């Protein structure tokens, strides 16, 4: 598994209006949201980055006013799932 560390200067961390104990998780969520919004990550990978359940991430997208993209690949996956339920 790859690992990426981002160094953030203390003055920037202090400027964040986020409680210190929430900083890591909040920055992961913010990054995941923006990368998904820009089309740089799929919803599944963005959810993994945010370390959230599928439903919690979908709720977060709604809270942030970010439209969920639904492409033909996802449609195909959903149709295959439905076929197994019949």
PDB file of N, CA and C in Angstrom:
ATOM      1  N   UNK A   1       0.841  -1.174   0.000  1.00  0.00           N
ATOM      2  CA  UNK A   1       0.000   0.000   0.000  1.00  0.00           C
ATOM      3  C   UNK A   1       0.884   1.235   0.000  1.00  0.00           C
ATOM      4  N   UNK A   2       0.549   2.191  -0.839  1.00  0.00           N
ATOM      5  CA  UNK A   2       1.288   3.448  -0.869  1.00  0.00           C
ATOM      6  C   UNK A   2       0.951   4.305   0.336  1.00  0.00           C
ATOM      7  N   UNK A   3       1.824   5.199   0.632  1.00  0.00           N
ATOM      8  CA  UNK A   3       1.620   6.093   1.769  1.00  0.00           C
ATOM      9  C   UNK A   3       2.062   7.486   1.352  1.00  0.00           C
ATOM     10  N   UNK A   4       1.250   8.468   1.655  1.00  0.00           N
ATOM     11  CA  UNK A   4       1.579   9.849   1.347  1.00  0.00           C
ATOM     12  C   UNK A   4       1.361  10.677   2.600  1.00  0.00           C
ATOM     13  N   UNK A   5       2.365  11.413   2.976  1.00  0.00           N
ATOM     14  CA  UNK A   5       2.262  12.309   4.124  1.00  0.00           C
ATOM     15  C   UNK A   5       2.342  13.744   3.616  1.00  0.00           C
ATOM     16  N   UNK A   6       1.471  14.567   4.123  1.00  0.00           N
ATOM     17  CA  UNK A   6       1.477  15.978   3.753  1.00  0.00           C
ATOM     18  C   UNK A   6       1.885  16.776   4.980  1.00  0.00           C
ATOM     19  N   UNK A   7       2.885  17.585   4.807  1.00  0.00           N
ATOM     20  CA  UNK A   7       3.350  18.415   5.914  1.00  0.00           C
ATOM     21  C   UNK A   7       2.631  19.759   5.845  1.00  0.00           C
ATOM     22  N   UNK A   8       2.028  20.141   6.959  1.00  0.00           N
ATOM     23  CA  UNK A   8       1.299  21.406   7.035  1.00  0.00           C
ATOM     24  C   UNK A   8       1.930  22.239   8.142  1.00  0.00           C
ATOM     25  N   UNK A   9       2.300  23.447   7.810  1.00  0.00           N
ATOM     26  CA  UNK A   9       2.936  24.325   8.794  1.00  0.00           C
ATOM     27  C   UNK A   9       2.012  24.571   9.988  1.00  0.00           C
ATOM     28  N   UNK A  10       2.627  24.736  11.138  1.00  0.00           N
ATOM     29  CA  UNK A  10       1.869  24.946  12.365  1.00  0.00           C
ATOM     30  C   UNK A  10       0.937  26.151  12.277  1.00  0.00           C
ATOM     31  N   UNK A  11       1.399  27.233  11.642  1.00  0.00           N
ATOM     32  CA  UNK A  11       0.545  28.429  11.583  1.00  0.00           C
ATOM     33  C   UNK A  11      -0.721  28.166  10.769  1.00  0.00           C
ATOM     34  N   UNK A  12      -0.635  27.297   9.772  1.00  0.00           N
ATOM     35  CA  UNK A  12      -1.824  26.939   8.995  1.00  0.00           C
ATOM     36  C   UNK A  12      -2.741  26.061   9.844  1.00  0.00           C
ATOM     37  N   UNK A  13      -2.165  25.106  10.563  1.00  0.00           N
ATOM     38  CA  UNK A  13      -2.980  24.261  11.436  1.00  0.00           C
ATOM     39  C   UNK A  13      -3.702  25.083  12.499  1.00  0.00           C
ATOM     40  N   UNK A  14      -2.992  26.055  13.066  1.00  0.00           N
ATOM     41  CA  UNK A  14      -3.609  26.912  14.069  1.00  0.00           C
ATOM     42  C   UNK A  14      -4.712  27.771  13.462  1.00  0.00           C
ATOM     43  N   UNK A  15      -4.577  28.107  12.188  1.00  0.00           N
ATOM     44  CA  UNK A  15      -5.573  28.946  11.523  1.00  0.00           C
ATOM     45  C   UNK A  15      -6.856  28.175  11.194  1.00  0.00           C
ATOM     46  N   UNK A  16      -6.753  26.851  11.143  1.00  0.00           N
ATOM     47  CA  UNK A  16      -7.943  26.047  10.862  1.00  0.00           C
ATOM     48  C   UNK A  16      -8.961  26.206  11.981  1.00  0.00           C
ATOM     49  N   UNK A  17     -10.183  26.328  11.599  1.00  0.00           N
ATOM     50  CA  UNK A  17     -11.251  26.460  12.597  1.00  0.00           C
ATOM     51  C   UNK A  17     -11.845  25.080  12.879  1.00  0.00           C
ATOM     52  N   UNK A  18     -10.949  24.138  13.191  1.00  0.00           N
ATOM     53  CA  UNK A  18     -11.322  22.756  13.464  1.00  0.00           C
ATOM     54  C   UNK A  18     -10.650  22.360  14.774  1.00  0.00           C
ATOM     55  N   UNK A  19     -11.377  21.721  15.691  1.00  0.00           N
ATOM     56  CA  UNK A  19     -10.723  21.245  16.916  1.00  0.00           C
ATOM     57  C   UNK A  19      -9.567  20.305  16.572  1.00  0.00           C
ATOM     58  N   UNK A  20      -8.487  20.399  17.294  1.00  0.00           N
ATOM     59  CA  UNK A  20      -7.265  19.644  17.003  1.00  0.00           C
ATOM     60  C   UNK A  20      -7.523  18.147  16.876  1.00  0.00           C
ATOM     61  N   UNK A  21      -8.408  17.608  17.728  1.00  0.00           N
ATOM     62  CA  UNK A  21      -8.661  16.169  17.687  1.00  0.00           C
ATOM     63  C   UNK A  21      -9.438  15.729  16.446  1.00  0.00           C
ATOM     64  N   UNK A  22     -10.028  16.678  15.729  1.00  0.00           N
ATOM     65  CA  UNK A  22     -10.794  16.366  14.519  1.00  0.00           C
ATOM     66  C   UNK A  22     -10.032  16.676  13.230  1.00  0.00           C
ATOM     67  N   UNK A  23      -8.860  17.267  13.343  1.00  0.00           N
ATOM     68  CA  UNK A  23      -8.147  17.773  12.166  1.00  0.00           C
ATOM     69  C   UNK A  23      -7.874  16.704  11.115  1.00  0.00           C
ATOM     70  N   UNK A  24      -7.290  15.581  11.502  1.00  0.00           N
ATOM     71  CA  UNK A  24      -6.932  14.542  10.531  1.00  0.00           C
ATOM     72  C   UNK A  24      -8.142  14.020   9.774  1.00  0.00           C
ATOM     73  N   UNK A  25      -9.174  13.630  10.510  1.00  0.00           N
ATOM     74  CA  UNK A  25     -10.382  13.083   9.883  1.00  0.00           C
ATOM     75  C   UNK A  25     -11.069  14.131   9.020  1.00  0.00           C
ATOM     76  N   UNK A  26     -11.109  15.351   9.511  1.00  0.00           N
ATOM     77  CA  UNK A  26     -11.785  16.418   8.755  1.00  0.00           C
ATOM     78  C   UNK A  26     -11.049  16.730   7.461  1.00  0.00           C
ATOM     79  N   UNK A  27      -9.722  16.777   7.498  1.00  0.00           N
ATOM     80  CA  UNK A  27      -8.962  17.046   6.281  1.00  0.00           C
ATOM     81  C   UNK A  27      -9.104  15.907   5.269  1.00  0.00           C
ATOM     82  N   UNK A  28      -9.172  14.671   5.749  1.00  0.00           N
ATOM     83  CA  UNK A  28      -9.404  13.531   4.848  1.00  0.00           C
ATOM     84  C   UNK A  28     -10.761  13.668   4.166  1.00  0.00           C
ATOM     85  N   UNK A  29     -11.787  14.021   4.945  1.00  0.00           N
ATOM     86  CA  UNK A  29     -13.132  14.190   4.368  1.00  0.00           C
ATOM     87  C   UNK A  29     -13.163  15.323   3.357  1.00  0.00           C
ATOM     88  N   UNK A  30     -12.561  16.453   3.707  1.00  0.00           N
ATOM     89  CA  UNK A  30     -12.558  17.607   2.796  1.00  0.00           C
ATOM     90  C   UNK A  30     -11.841  17.273   1.490  1.00  0.00           C
ATOM     91  N   UNK A  31     -10.706  16.592   1.602  1.00  0.00           N
ATOM     92  CA  UNK A  31      -9.962  16.205   0.407  1.00  0.00           C
ATOM     93  C   UNK A  31     -10.781  15.235  -0.439  1.00  0.00           C
ATOM     94  N   UNK A  32     -11.398  14.260   0.205  1.00  0.00           N
ATOM     95  CA  UNK A  32     -12.224  13.285  -0.511  1.00  0.00           C
ATOM     96  C   UNK A  32     -13.380  13.972  -1.232  1.00  0.00           C
ATOM     97  N   UNK A  33     -14.049  14.894  -0.564  1.00  0.00           N
ATOM     98  CA  UNK A  33     -15.170  15.616  -1.174  1.00  0.00           C
ATOM     99  C   UNK A  33     -14.736  16.394  -2.404  1.00  0.00           C
ATOM    100  N   UNK A  34     -13.656  17.132  -2.280  1.00  0.00           N
ATOM    101  CA  UNK A  34     -13.202  17.975  -3.401  1.00  0.00           C
ATOM    102  C   UNK A  34     -12.704  17.143  -4.570  1.00  0.00           C
ATOM    103  N   UNK A  35     -11.986  16.049  -4.286  1.00  0.00           N
ATOM    104  CA  UNK A  35     -11.500  15.205  -5.381  1.00  0.00           C
ATOM    105  C   UNK A  35     -12.665  14.523  -6.099  1.00  0.00           C
ATOM    106  N   UNK A  36     -13.686  14.122  -5.351  1.00  0.00           N
ATOM    107  CA  UNK A  36     -14.872  13.538  -5.983  1.00  0.00           C
ATOM    108  C   UNK A  36     -15.613  14.596  -6.807  1.00  0.00           C
ATOM    109  N   UNK A  37     -15.788  15.762  -6.217  1.00  0.00           N
ATOM    110  CA  UNK A  37     -16.515  16.852  -6.889  1.00  0.00           C
ATOM    111  C   UNK A  37     -15.853  17.221  -8.216  1.00  0.00           C
ATOM    112  N   UNK A  38     -14.535  17.175  -8.261  1.00  0.00           N
ATOM    113  CA  UNK A  38     -13.794  17.524  -9.474  1.00  0.00           C
ATOM    114  C   UNK A  38     -13.653  16.349 -10.438  1.00  0.00           C
ATOM    115  N   UNK A  39     -14.178  15.192 -10.051  1.00  0.00           N
ATOM    116  CA  UNK A  39     -14.110  14.026 -10.926  1.00  0.00           C
ATOM    117  C   UNK A  39     -12.773  13.321 -10.909  1.00  0.00           C
ATOM    118  N   UNK A  40     -11.950  13.587  -9.900  1.00  0.00           N
ATOM    119  CA  UNK A  40     -10.633  12.975  -9.804  1.00  0.00           C
ATOM    120  C   UNK A  40     -10.647  11.654  -9.046  1.00  0.00           C
ATOM    121  N   UNK A  41     -11.729  11.390  -8.310  1.00  0.00           N
ATOM    122  CA  UNK A  41     -11.906  10.112  -7.619  1.00  0.00           C
ATOM    123  C   UNK A  41     -13.337   9.636  -7.828  1.00  0.00           C
ATOM    124  N   UNK A  42     -13.516   8.320  -7.903  1.00  0.00           N
ATOM    125  CA  UNK A  42     -14.864   7.767  -7.923  1.00  0.00           C
ATOM    126  C   UNK A  42     -15.463   7.917  -6.531  1.00  0.00           C
ATOM    127  N   UNK A  43     -16.759   7.730  -6.447  1.00  0.00           N
ATOM    128  CA  UNK A  43     -17.406   7.843  -5.139  1.00  0.00           C
ATOM    129  C   UNK A  43     -16.870   6.782  -4.177  1.00  0.00           C
ATOM    130  N   UNK A  44     -16.591   5.583  -4.683  1.00  0.00           N
ATOM    131  CA  UNK A  44     -16.064   4.527  -3.819  1.00  0.00           C
ATOM    132  C   UNK A  44     -14.691   4.851  -3.269  1.00  0.00           C
ATOM    133  N   UNK A  45     -13.817   5.350  -4.121  1.00  0.00           N
ATOM    134  CA  UNK A  45     -12.462   5.694  -3.669  1.00  0.00           C
ATOM    135  C   UNK A  45     -12.483   6.928  -2.771  1.00  0.00           C
ATOM    136  N   UNK A  46     -13.349   7.878  -3.070  1.00  0.00           N
ATOM    137  CA  UNK A  46     -13.469   9.060  -2.205  1.00  0.00           C
ATOM    138  C   UNK A  46     -13.964   8.640  -0.820  1.00  0.00           C
ATOM    139  N   UNK A  47     -14.914   7.724  -0.801  1.00  0.00           N
ATOM    140  CA  UNK A  47     -15.433   7.214   0.467  1.00  0.00           C
ATOM    141  C   UNK A  47     -14.331   6.508   1.260  1.00  0.00           C
ATOM    142  N   UNK A  48     -13.494   5.740   0.562  1.00  0.00           N
ATOM    143  CA  UNK A  48     -12.361   5.083   1.229  1.00  0.00           C
ATOM    144  C   UNK A  48     -11.401   6.109   1.811  1.00  0.00           C
ATOM    145  N   UNK A  49     -11.094   7.143   1.029  1.00  0.00           N
ATOM    146  CA  UNK A  49     -10.191   8.188   1.508  1.00  0.00           C
ATOM    147  C   UNK A  49     -10.771   8.869   2.743  1.00  0.00           C
ATOM    148  N   UNK A  50     -12.072   9.112   2.724  1.00  0.00           N
ATOM    149  CA  UNK A  50     -12.733   9.765   3.854  1.00  0.00           C
ATOM    150  C   UNK A  50     -12.886   8.820   5.044  1.00  0.00           C
ATOM    151  N   UNK A  51     -12.668   7.525   4.815  1.00  0.00           N
ATOM    152  CA  UNK A  51     -12.827   6.499   5.844  1.00  0.00           C
ATOM    153  C   UNK A  51     -14.230   6.518   6.437  1.00  0.00           C
ATOM    154  N   UNK A  52     -15.208   6.529   5.522  1.00  0.00           N
ATOM    155  CA  UNK A  52     -16.616   6.580   5.922  1.00  0.00           C
ATOM    156  C   UNK A  52     -17.371   5.430   5.279  1.00  0.00           C
ATOM    157  N   UNK A  53     -18.495   5.077   5.878  1.00  0.00           N
ATOM    158  CA  UNK A  53     -19.359   4.072   5.269  1.00  0.00           C
ATOM    159  C   UNK A  53     -19.989   4.660   4.003  1.00  0.00           C
ATOM    160  N   UNK A  54     -20.499   3.793   3.165  1.00  0.00           N
ATOM    161  CA  UNK A  54     -21.154   4.245   1.929  1.00  0.00           C
ATOM    162  C   UNK A  54     -22.265   5.237   2.232  1.00  0.00           C
ATOM    163  N   UNK A  55     -23.105   4.890   3.191  1.00  0.00           N
ATOM    164  CA  UNK A  55     -24.279   5.723   3.480  1.00  0.00           C
ATOM    165  C   UNK A  55     -23.877   7.040   4.138  1.00  0.00           C
ATOM    166  N   UNK A  56     -22.911   7.003   5.022  1.00  0.00           N
ATOM    167  CA  UNK A  56     -22.454   8.238   5.668  1.00  0.00           C
ATOM    168  C   UNK A  56     -21.838   9.178   4.639  1.00  0.00           C
ATOM    169  N   UNK A  57     -21.077   8.635   3.676  1.00  0.00           N
ATOM    170  CA  UNK A  57     -20.466   9.486   2.661  1.00  0.00           C
ATOM    171  C   UNK A  57     -21.526  10.080   1.746  1.00  0.00           C
ATOM    172  N   UNK A  58     -22.545   9.288   1.393  1.00  0.00           N
ATOM    173  CA  UNK A  58     -23.630   9.816   0.571  1.00  0.00           C
ATOM    174  C   UNK A  58     -24.373  10.934   1.305  1.00  0.00           C
ATOM    175  N   UNK A  59     -24.576  10.756   2.604  1.00  0.00           N
ATOM    176  CA  UNK A  59     -25.200  11.815   3.401  1.00  0.00           C
ATOM    177  C   UNK A  59     -24.335  13.069   3.388  1.00  0.00           C
ATOM    178  N   UNK A  60     -23.022  12.886   3.531  1.00  0.00           N
ATOM    179  CA  UNK A  60     -22.103  14.018   3.526  1.00  0.00           C
ATOM    180  C   UNK A  60     -22.141  14.753   2.186  1.00  0.00           C
ATOM    181  N   UNK A  61     -22.196  14.009   1.087  1.00  0.00           N
ATOM    182  CA  UNK A  61     -22.316  14.655  -0.232  1.00  0.00           C
ATOM    183  C   UNK A  61     -23.557  15.536  -0.271  1.00  0.00           C
ATOM    184  N   UNK A  62     -24.662  15.025   0.241  1.00  0.00           N
ATOM    185  CA  UNK A  62     -25.897  15.803   0.269  1.00  0.00           C
ATOM    186  C   UNK A  62     -25.771  17.046   1.141  1.00  0.00           C
ATOM    187  N   UNK A  63     -25.181  16.889   2.319  1.00  0.00           N
ATOM    188  CA  UNK A  63     -24.996  18.023   3.225  1.00  0.00           C
ATOM    189  C   UNK A  63     -24.144  19.113   2.579  1.00  0.00           C
ATOM    190  N   UNK A  64     -23.174  18.707   1.780  1.00  0.00           N
ATOM    191  CA  UNK A  64     -22.267  19.656   1.129  1.00  0.00           C
ATOM    192  C   UNK A  64     -22.816  20.169  -0.208  1.00  0.00           C
ATOM    193  N   UNK A  65     -23.972  19.655  -0.617  1.00  0.00           N
ATOM    194  CA  UNK A  65     -24.569  20.099  -1.876  1.00  0.00           C
ATOM    195  C   UNK A  65     -23.819  19.605  -3.104  1.00  0.00           C
ATOM    196  N   UNK A  66     -23.146  18.468  -2.978  1.00  0.00           N
ATOM    197  CA  UNK A  66     -22.387  17.900  -4.095  1.00  0.00           C
ATOM    198  C   UNK A  66     -23.245  16.827  -4.756  1.00  0.00           C
ATOM    199  N   UNK A  67     -23.519  17.003  -6.032  1.00  0.00           N
ATOM    200  CA  UNK A  67     -24.347  16.059  -6.773  1.00  0.00           C
ATOM    201  C   UNK A  67     -23.609  14.748  -6.970  1.00  0.00           C
ATOM    202  N   UNK A  68     -24.321  13.681  -6.777  1.00  0.00           N
ATOM    203  CA  UNK A  68     -23.769  12.341  -6.985  1.00  0.00           C
ATOM    204  C   UNK A  68     -23.814  12.020  -8.471  1.00  0.00           C
ATOM    205  N   UNK A  69     -22.669  11.685  -9.043  1.00  0.00           N
ATOM    206  CA  UNK A  69     -22.609  11.281 -10.450  1.00  0.00           C
ATOM    207  C   UNK A  69     -22.929   9.794 -10.531  1.00  0.00           C
ATOM    208  N   UNK A  70     -23.687   9.434 -11.516  1.00  0.00           N
ATOM    209  CA  UNK A  70     -24.084   8.042 -11.709  1.00  0.00           C
ATOM    210  C   UNK A  70     -23.806   7.704 -13.153  1.00  0.00           C
ATOM    211  N   UNK A  71     -22.745   6.924 -13.391  1.00  0.00           N
ATOM    212  CA  UNK A  71     -22.345   6.657 -14.771  1.00  0.00           C
ATOM    213  C   UNK A  71     -22.813   5.275 -15.230  1.00  0.00           C
ATOM    214  N   UNK A  72     -22.549   4.958 -16.476  1.00  0.00           N
ATOM    215  CA  UNK A  72     -23.015   3.700 -17.054  1.00  0.00           C
ATOM    216  C   UNK A  72     -22.368   2.488 -16.379  1.00  0.00           C
ATOM    217  N   UNK A  73     -21.154   2.628 -15.915  1.00  0.00           N
ATOM    218  CA  UNK A  73     -20.498   1.524 -15.211  1.00  0.00           C
ATOM    219  C   UNK A  73     -21.249   1.194 -13.925  1.00  0.00           C
ATOM    220  N   UNK A  74     -21.630   2.232 -13.184  1.00  0.00           N
ATOM    221  CA  UNK A  74     -22.391   2.009 -11.955  1.00  0.00           C
ATOM    222  C   UNK A  74     -23.778   1.440 -12.255  1.00  0.00           C
ATOM    223  N   UNK A  75     -24.394   1.922 -13.316  1.00  0.00           N
ATOM    224  CA  UNK A  75     -25.692   1.384 -13.727  1.00  0.00           C
ATOM    225  C   UNK A  75     -25.568  -0.106 -14.030  1.00  0.00           C
ATOM    226  N   UNK A  76     -24.546  -0.487 -14.783  1.00  0.00           N
ATOM    227  CA  UNK A  76     -24.322  -1.893 -15.099  1.00  0.00           C
ATOM    228  C   UNK A  76     -24.144  -2.737 -13.852  1.00  0.00           C
ATOM    229  N   UNK A  77     -23.379  -2.223 -12.909  1.00  0.00           N
ATOM    230  CA  UNK A  77     -23.162  -2.933 -11.648  1.00  0.00           C
ATOM    231  C   UNK A  77     -24.477  -3.110 -10.900  1.00  0.00           C
ATOM    232  N   UNK A  78     -25.282  -2.061 -10.861  1.00  0.00           N
ATOM    233  CA  UNK A  78     -26.575  -2.140 -10.182  1.00  0.00           C
ATOM    234  C   UNK A  78     -27.500  -3.136 -10.878  1.00  0.00           C
ATOM    235  N   UNK A  79     -27.501  -3.147 -12.204  1.00  0.00           N
ATOM    236  CA  UNK A  79     -28.342  -4.084 -12.939  1.00  0.00           C
ATOM    237  C   UNK A  79     -27.918  -5.527 -12.686  1.00  0.00           C
ATOM    238  N   UNK A  80     -26.615  -5.778 -12.643  1.00  0.00           N
ATOM    239  CA  UNK A  80     -26.121  -7.126 -12.341  1.00  0.00           C
ATOM    240  C   UNK A  80     -26.550  -7.549 -10.937  1.00  0.00           C
ATOM    241  N   UNK A  81     -26.499  -6.641 -10.009  1.00  0.00           N
ATOM    242  CA  UNK A  81     -26.946  -6.940  -8.643  1.00  0.00           C
ATOM    243  C   UNK A  81     -28.423  -7.285  -8.623  1.00  0.00           C
ATOM    244  N   UNK A  82     -29.222  -6.508  -9.336  1.00  0.00           N
ATOM    245  CA  UNK A  82     -30.659  -6.780  -9.394  1.00  0.00           C
ATOM    246  C   UNK A  82     -30.958  -8.137 -10.017  1.00  0.00           C
ATOM    247  N   UNK A  83     -30.189  -8.514 -11.028  1.00  0.00           N
ATOM    248  CA  UNK A  83     -30.403  -9.805 -11.680  1.00  0.00           C
ATOM    249  C   UNK A  83     -30.147 -10.963 -10.722  1.00  0.00           C
ATOM    250  N   UNK A  84     -29.195 -10.794  -9.810  1.00  0.00           N
ATOM    251  CA  UNK A  84     -28.901 -11.862  -8.850  1.00  0.00           C
ATOM    252  C   UNK A  84     -29.997 -11.976  -7.798  1.00  0.00           C
ATOM    253  N   UNK A  85     -30.782 -10.943  -7.620  1.00  0.00           N
ATOM    254  CA  UNK A  85     -31.844 -10.949  -6.616  1.00  0.00           C
ATOM    255  C   UNK A  85     -33.129 -11.605  -7.125  1.00  0.00           C
ATOM    256  N   UNK A  86     -33.250 -11.777  -8.434  1.00  0.00           N
ATOM    257  CA  UNK A  86     -34.475 -12.343  -9.004  1.00  0.00           C
ATOM    258  C   UNK A  86     -34.577 -13.818  -8.774  1.00  0.00           C
TER     259      UNK A  86
END
